Amino acid sequence: MRTAGGDEIYEAGQAFYWAPGHAPEALEDCEYVDFSPTKEFSEVVDHLKAQLG
């Protein structure tokens, strides 16, 4: 994960928090479970939809 504080690498079994401004980069195939507050997540989805036109 590219963040304002530098790059972070996560491995199986680790928990993490991605603060605003992160940019994911998958180095290999992976699966993860993402928990996000509904209001904030909806704002992100709306922003992404607007960028797609």
Protein backbone atom coordinates (compact mmCIF):
# COMPACT_ATOMS: atom_id res chain seq x y z
CA MET A 1 0.00 0.00 0.00
CA ARG A 2 1.36 3.37 -0.94
CA THR A 3 0.58 5.91 1.80
CA ALA A 4 1.65 9.43 2.73
CA GLY A 5 3.93 7.87 5.36
CA GLY A 6 5.59 5.50 2.87
CA ASP A 7 4.94 2.07 1.40
CA GLU A 8 3.49 -0.73 3.55
CA ILE A 9 3.54 -4.47 2.79
CA TYR A 10 0.97 -6.77 4.39
CA GLU A 11 1.06 -10.55 4.67
CA ALA A 12 -1.56 -13.21 5.43
CA GLY A 13 -3.12 -12.86 8.86
CA GLN A 14 -2.29 -9.20 9.36
CA ALA A 15 -4.92 -6.58 10.21
CA PHE A 16 -4.49 -3.06 8.88
CA TYR A 17 -6.03 0.40 8.60
CA TRP A 18 -5.78 2.33 5.37
CA ALA A 19 -6.06 6.05 6.04
CA PRO A 20 -7.44 8.43 3.38
CA GLY A 21 -5.02 9.00 0.52
CA HIS A 22 -3.81 5.41 0.17
CA ALA A 23 -3.11 3.79 -3.20
CA PRO A 24 -3.25 -0.02 -3.30
CA GLU A 25 -0.82 -2.09 -5.34
CA ALA A 26 -1.13 -5.89 -5.49
CA LEU A 27 2.24 -7.62 -5.82
CA GLU A 28 0.50 -10.99 -6.30
CA ASP A 29 -3.03 -12.40 -6.33
CA CYS A 30 -4.75 -11.96 -2.98
CA GLU A 31 -8.04 -11.95 -1.14
CA TYR A 32 -8.96 -9.83 1.86
CA VAL A 33 -11.97 -8.78 3.90
CA ASP A 34 -12.65 -5.05 3.98
CA PHE A 35 -14.70 -3.39 6.74
CA SER A 36 -15.56 0.26 6.16
CA PRO A 37 -17.99 2.70 7.80
CA THR A 38 -21.01 2.91 5.47
CA LYS A 39 -21.13 6.71 5.14
CA GLU A 40 -17.43 7.11 4.38
CA PHE A 41 -17.39 4.14 2.01
CA SER A 42 -20.40 5.54 0.11
CA GLU A 43 -18.52 8.81 -0.36
CA VAL A 44 -15.58 6.94 -1.88
CA VAL A 45 -17.82 4.94 -4.23
CA ASP A 46 -19.64 8.10 -5.32
CA HIS A 47 -16.29 9.79 -6.05
CA LEU A 48 -15.11 6.83 -8.12
CA LYS A 49 -18.35 6.73 -10.09
CA ALA A 50 -18.04 10.45 -10.85
CA GLN A 51 -14.49 9.91 -12.16
CA LEU A 52 -15.71 7.18 -14.54
CA GLY A 53 -18.23 9.55 -16.09
